[in-house]
Amino acid sequence: MKQQVDFFKVTFDAFDKYASVLASAARAITTGDQSEDLMVSLMRDENDVLPSYIIDKLNDGADFAAMIRPRVTQMLAKAMGDEAKRSVRSGAKSLDRQLETTLDLQAPPHARVPPPHIYFKPMQEQLRVVFPRSIGDPADTPTVLAFQKFLEGPDNPWR
């Protein structure tokens, strides 16, 4: 179960770091930072001006990303393995939708604030490796069942 536990730990760190990146970008805009690596990250209106709501949207995204760790940790503590996996997966997708009018979803690799679908892509790929499924497999694969049993046992690190 080490692989699954490590996956969640790394995932939590990724969401925390992304929250920090978003909050830092909001602060940078507030202070008038016009650095190219920041500006290529952000959507602008038809006049090439940053929208007035951009700081609020970045801060909202940061708050949402920061809430993933406590919410999923609580699910893991209650041995809700499937819900925890779903919440991690949907968290990245929700950030993508939430920030689609704020971040340039086609931002280049050097952008200070990568769009969520790029930033969380390694996490999504790792989720498929750690909890493998094939077409036609039941939802409760041996790995999923073993992880659920682990969460229900005394060695659950989130309790």
C-alpha atoms as a PDB file:
ATOM      1  CA  MET A   1       0.000   0.000   0.000  1.00  0.00           C
ATOM      2  CA  LYS A   2       3.062   2.245   0.135  1.00  0.00           C
ATOM      3  CA  GLN A   3       2.606   3.197  -3.512  1.00  0.00           C
ATOM      4  CA  GLN A   4      -0.977   4.343  -2.900  1.00  0.00           C
ATOM      5  CA  VAL A   5      -0.098   6.212   0.316  1.00  0.00           C
ATOM      6  CA  ASP A   6       2.812   7.922  -1.435  1.00  0.00           C
ATOM      7  CA  PHE A   7       0.514   8.862  -4.322  1.00  0.00           C
ATOM      8  CA  PHE A   8      -1.829  10.724  -1.991  1.00  0.00           C
ATOM      9  CA  LYS A   9       1.053  12.441  -0.187  1.00  0.00           C
ATOM     10  CA  VAL A  10       2.559  13.652  -3.465  1.00  0.00           C
ATOM     11  CA  THR A  11      -0.877  14.694  -4.690  1.00  0.00           C
ATOM     12  CA  PHE A  12      -1.508  16.743  -1.560  1.00  0.00           C
ATOM     13  CA  ASP A  13       1.835  18.480  -2.028  1.00  0.00           C
ATOM     14  CA  ALA A  14       0.969  19.211  -5.680  1.00  0.00           C
ATOM     15  CA  PHE A  15      -2.356  20.833  -4.763  1.00  0.00           C
ATOM     16  CA  ASP A  16      -0.686  22.838  -1.973  1.00  0.00           C
ATOM     17  CA  LYS A  17       2.036  24.025  -4.350  1.00  0.00           C
ATOM     18  CA  TYR A  18      -0.519  24.972  -7.004  1.00  0.00           C
ATOM     19  CA  ALA A  19      -2.462  26.964  -4.396  1.00  0.00           C
ATOM     20  CA  SER A  20       0.757  28.793  -3.592  1.00  0.00           C
ATOM     21  CA  VAL A  21       1.476  29.465  -7.284  1.00  0.00           C
ATOM     22  CA  LEU A  22      -2.009  30.924  -7.793  1.00  0.00           C
ATOM     23  CA  ALA A  23      -1.834  33.092  -4.662  1.00  0.00           C
ATOM     24  CA  SER A  24       1.635  34.285  -5.620  1.00  0.00           C
ATOM     25  CA  ALA A  25       0.410  35.249  -9.096  1.00  0.00           C
ATOM     26  CA  ALA A  26      -2.471  37.221  -7.558  1.00  0.00           C
ATOM     27  CA  ARG A  27      -0.009  39.081  -5.298  1.00  0.00           C
ATOM     28  CA  ALA A  28       2.308  39.752  -8.239  1.00  0.00           C
ATOM     29  CA  ILE A  29      -0.507  41.280 -10.287  1.00  0.00           C
ATOM     30  CA  THR A  30      -1.527  43.394  -7.301  1.00  0.00           C
ATOM     31  CA  THR A  31       1.991  44.811  -7.074  1.00  0.00           C
ATOM     32  CA  GLY A  32       2.073  45.579 -10.804  1.00  0.00           C
ATOM     33  CA  ASP A  33       4.368  42.744 -11.902  1.00  0.00           C
ATOM     34  CA  GLN A  34       4.329  42.656 -15.714  1.00  0.00           C
ATOM     35  CA  SER A  35       6.953  39.906 -16.116  1.00  0.00           C
ATOM     36  CA  GLU A  36       6.630  38.022 -19.382  1.00  0.00           C
ATOM     37  CA  ASP A  37       6.501  34.624 -17.659  1.00  0.00           C
ATOM     38  CA  LEU A  38       3.486  35.807 -15.640  1.00  0.00           C
ATOM     39  CA  MET A  39       1.708  37.622 -18.455  1.00  0.00           C
ATOM     40  CA  VAL A  40       1.809  34.620 -20.826  1.00  0.00           C
ATOM     41  CA  SER A  41      -0.049  32.669 -18.134  1.00  0.00           C
ATOM     42  CA  LEU A  42      -3.033  34.998 -18.035  1.00  0.00           C
ATOM     43  CA  MET A  43      -6.050  35.629 -20.231  1.00  0.00           C
ATOM     44  CA  ARG A  44      -6.592  39.175 -21.416  1.00  0.00           C
ATOM     45  CA  ASP A  45      -9.620  40.858 -22.957  1.00  0.00           C
ATOM     46  CA  GLU A  46      -9.954  41.974 -26.581  1.00  0.00           C
ATOM     47  CA  ASN A  47      -7.967  45.140 -25.744  1.00  0.00           C
ATOM     48  CA  ASP A  48      -5.091  43.032 -24.340  1.00  0.00           C
ATOM     49  CA  VAL A  49      -5.933  44.143 -20.787  1.00  0.00           C
ATOM     50  CA  LEU A  50      -6.170  41.864 -17.774  1.00  0.00           C
ATOM     51  CA  PRO A  51      -9.804  41.487 -16.666  1.00  0.00           C
ATOM     52  CA  SER A  52     -10.757  43.224 -13.431  1.00  0.00           C
ATOM     53  CA  TYR A  53     -11.757  39.936 -11.771  1.00  0.00           C
ATOM     54  CA  ILE A  54      -8.456  38.159 -12.381  1.00  0.00           C
ATOM     55  CA  ILE A  55      -7.037  38.626  -8.859  1.00  0.00           C
ATOM     56  CA  ASP A  56     -10.237  37.331  -7.254  1.00  0.00           C
ATOM     57  CA  LYS A  57     -10.350  34.315  -9.591  1.00  0.00           C
ATOM     58  CA  LEU A  58      -6.715  33.443  -8.860  1.00  0.00           C
ATOM     59  CA  ASN A  59      -7.329  33.727  -5.107  1.00  0.00           C
ATOM     60  CA  ASP A  60     -10.512  31.633  -5.403  1.00  0.00           C
ATOM     61  CA  GLY A  61      -8.524  28.982  -7.274  1.00  0.00           C
ATOM     62  CA  ALA A  62      -5.833  29.074  -4.594  1.00  0.00           C
ATOM     63  CA  ASP A  63      -8.465  28.611  -1.867  1.00  0.00           C
ATOM     64  CA  PHE A  64     -10.037  25.699  -3.758  1.00  0.00           C
ATOM     65  CA  ALA A  65      -6.666  23.978  -4.316  1.00  0.00           C
ATOM     66  CA  ALA A  66      -5.751  24.446  -0.641  1.00  0.00           C
ATOM     67  CA  MET A  67      -8.998  22.731   0.421  1.00  0.00           C
ATOM     68  CA  ILE A  68      -8.158  19.471  -1.383  1.00  0.00           C
ATOM     69  CA  ARG A  69      -5.721  18.152   1.255  1.00  0.00           C
ATOM     70  CA  PRO A  70      -8.035  18.495   4.280  1.00  0.00           C
ATOM     71  CA  ARG A  71     -11.090  17.244   2.395  1.00  0.00           C
ATOM     72  CA  VAL A  72      -9.379  14.165   0.931  1.00  0.00           C
ATOM     73  CA  THR A  73      -7.492  13.463   4.166  1.00  0.00           C
ATOM     74  CA  GLN A  74     -10.822  13.384   5.966  1.00  0.00           C
ATOM     75  CA  MET A  75     -12.154  10.913   3.382  1.00  0.00           C
ATOM     76  CA  LEU A  76      -9.101   8.704   3.780  1.00  0.00           C
ATOM     77  CA  ALA A  77      -9.414   8.818   7.572  1.00  0.00           C
ATOM     78  CA  LYS A  78     -12.996   7.590   7.214  1.00  0.00           C
ATOM     79  CA  ALA A  79     -11.815   4.805   4.846  1.00  0.00           C
ATOM     80  CA  MET A  80     -13.630   6.347   1.865  1.00  0.00           C
ATOM     81  CA  GLY A  81     -11.014   5.313  -0.700  1.00  0.00           C
ATOM     82  CA  ASP A  82     -13.138   5.592  -3.845  1.00  0.00           C
ATOM     83  CA  GLU A  83     -14.418   9.024  -2.849  1.00  0.00           C
ATOM     84  CA  ALA A  84     -10.865  10.188  -2.127  1.00  0.00           C
ATOM     85  CA  LYS A  85      -9.663   9.085  -5.568  1.00  0.00           C
ATOM     86  CA  ARG A  86     -12.665  10.720  -7.223  1.00  0.00           C
ATOM     87  CA  SER A  87     -12.123  13.941  -5.304  1.00  0.00           C
ATOM     88  CA  VAL A  88      -8.470  14.130  -6.362  1.00  0.00           C
ATOM     89  CA  ARG A  89      -9.373  13.490  -9.987  1.00  0.00           C
ATOM     90  CA  SER A  90     -12.264  15.926 -10.022  1.00  0.00           C
ATOM     91  CA  GLY A  91     -10.316  18.575  -8.078  1.00  0.00           C
ATOM     92  CA  ALA A  92      -7.924  19.116 -10.967  1.00  0.00           C
ATOM     93  CA  LYS A  93     -10.795  19.201 -13.472  1.00  0.00           C
ATOM     94  CA  SER A  94     -12.727  21.657 -11.318  1.00  0.00           C
ATOM     95  CA  LEU A  95      -9.727  23.968 -11.161  1.00  0.00           C
ATOM     96  CA  ASP A  96      -9.476  23.794 -14.944  1.00  0.00           C
ATOM     97  CA  ARG A  97     -13.103  24.900 -15.317  1.00  0.00           C
ATOM     98  CA  GLN A  98     -12.827  27.484 -12.557  1.00  0.00           C
ATOM     99  CA  LEU A  99      -9.762  29.119 -14.112  1.00  0.00           C
ATOM    100  CA  GLU A 100     -10.608  28.804 -17.817  1.00  0.00           C
ATOM    101  CA  THR A 101     -11.403  32.524 -18.110  1.00  0.00           C
ATOM    102  CA  THR A 102      -8.365  33.470 -16.031  1.00  0.00           C
ATOM    103  CA  LEU A 103      -5.489  31.329 -17.272  1.00  0.00           C
ATOM    104  CA  ASP A 104      -4.379  30.878 -20.840  1.00  0.00           C
ATOM    105  CA  LEU A 105      -5.018  27.169 -21.291  1.00  0.00           C
ATOM    106  CA  GLN A 106      -2.506  27.166 -24.160  1.00  0.00           C
ATOM    107  CA  ALA A 107       0.250  28.835 -22.121  1.00  0.00           C
ATOM    108  CA  PRO A 108       3.826  27.953 -23.107  1.00  0.00           C
ATOM    109  CA  PRO A 109       5.959  25.705 -20.902  1.00  0.00           C
ATOM    110  CA  HIS A 110       7.781  28.658 -19.290  1.00  0.00           C
ATOM    111  CA  ALA A 111       4.540  30.208 -18.006  1.00  0.00           C
ATOM    112  CA  ARG A 112       4.693  31.011 -14.299  1.00  0.00           C
ATOM    113  CA  VAL A 113       1.173  29.668 -13.776  1.00  0.00           C
ATOM    114  CA  PRO A 114       0.604  26.534 -15.843  1.00  0.00           C
ATOM    115  CA  PRO A 115      -3.010  25.656 -16.552  1.00  0.00           C
ATOM    116  CA  PRO A 116      -4.359  22.927 -14.250  1.00  0.00           C
ATOM    117  CA  HIS A 117      -4.760  20.348 -17.030  1.00  0.00           C
ATOM    118  CA  ILE A 118      -1.019  20.586 -17.699  1.00  0.00           C
ATOM    119  CA  TYR A 119       0.120  20.964 -14.086  1.00  0.00           C
ATOM    120  CA  PHE A 120      -1.903  17.979 -12.831  1.00  0.00           C
ATOM    121  CA  LYS A 121      -1.346  15.713 -15.841  1.00  0.00           C
ATOM    122  CA  PRO A 122       1.463  13.729 -14.120  1.00  0.00           C
ATOM    123  CA  MET A 123      -0.811  13.235 -11.101  1.00  0.00           C
ATOM    124  CA  GLN A 124      -3.663  11.967 -13.300  1.00  0.00           C
ATOM    125  CA  GLU A 125      -1.286   9.563 -15.059  1.00  0.00           C
ATOM    126  CA  GLN A 126       0.097   8.328 -11.725  1.00  0.00           C
ATOM    127  CA  LEU A 127      -3.447   7.740 -10.461  1.00  0.00           C
ATOM    128  CA  ARG A 128      -4.017   5.336 -13.358  1.00  0.00           C
ATOM    129  CA  VAL A 129      -0.761   3.512 -12.554  1.00  0.00           C
ATOM    130  CA  VAL A 130      -1.401   3.244  -8.813  1.00  0.00           C
ATOM    131  CA  PHE A 131      -5.043   2.210  -9.201  1.00  0.00           C
ATOM    132  CA  PRO A 132      -5.034   0.341 -12.551  1.00  0.00           C
ATOM    133  CA  ARG A 133      -8.225  -0.488 -14.392  1.00  0.00           C
ATOM    134  CA  SER A 134      -8.978  -2.004 -17.746  1.00  0.00           C
ATOM    135  CA  ILE A 135     -12.041  -1.715 -19.932  1.00  0.00           C
ATOM    136  CA  GLY A 136     -14.575  -4.168 -18.637  1.00  0.00           C
ATOM    137  CA  ASP A 137     -12.928  -4.491 -15.225  1.00  0.00           C
ATOM    138  CA  PRO A 138     -15.215  -4.116 -12.242  1.00  0.00           C
ATOM    139  CA  ALA A 139     -14.773  -0.913 -10.270  1.00  0.00           C
ATOM    140  CA  ASP A 140     -13.413  -2.933  -7.357  1.00  0.00           C
ATOM    141  CA  THR A 141     -10.143  -4.248  -8.751  1.00  0.00           C
ATOM    142  CA  PRO A 142      -7.804  -6.200  -6.447  1.00  0.00           C
ATOM    143  CA  THR A 143      -5.710  -3.066  -5.904  1.00  0.00           C
ATOM    144  CA  VAL A 144      -8.741  -0.983  -4.980  1.00  0.00           C
ATOM    145  CA  LEU A 145     -10.037  -3.669  -2.624  1.00  0.00           C
ATOM    146  CA  ALA A 146      -6.629  -4.044  -0.961  1.00  0.00           C
ATOM    147  CA  PHE A 147      -6.323  -0.273  -0.486  1.00  0.00           C
ATOM    148  CA  GLN A 148      -9.820  -0.105   0.982  1.00  0.00           C
ATOM    149  CA  LYS A 149      -8.978  -2.886   3.427  1.00  0.00           C
ATOM    150  CA  PHE A 150      -5.764  -1.031   4.338  1.00  0.00           C
ATOM    151  CA  LEU A 151      -7.738   2.168   5.028  1.00  0.00           C
ATOM    152  CA  GLU A 152     -10.115   0.242   7.274  1.00  0.00           C
ATOM    153  CA  GLY A 153      -7.225  -1.284   9.232  1.00  0.00           C
ATOM    154  CA  PRO A 154      -5.064   0.012  12.060  1.00  0.00           C
ATOM    155  CA  ASP A 155      -2.216   1.125   9.755  1.00  0.00           C
ATOM    156  CA  ASN A 156      -4.239   3.904   8.051  1.00  0.00           C
ATOM    157  CA  PRO A 157      -1.826   6.882   8.284  1.00  0.00           C
ATOM    158  CA  TRP A 158      -4.632   9.446   8.041  1.00  0.00           C
ATOM    159  CA  ARG A 159      -6.362   8.416  11.251  1.00  0.00           C
END
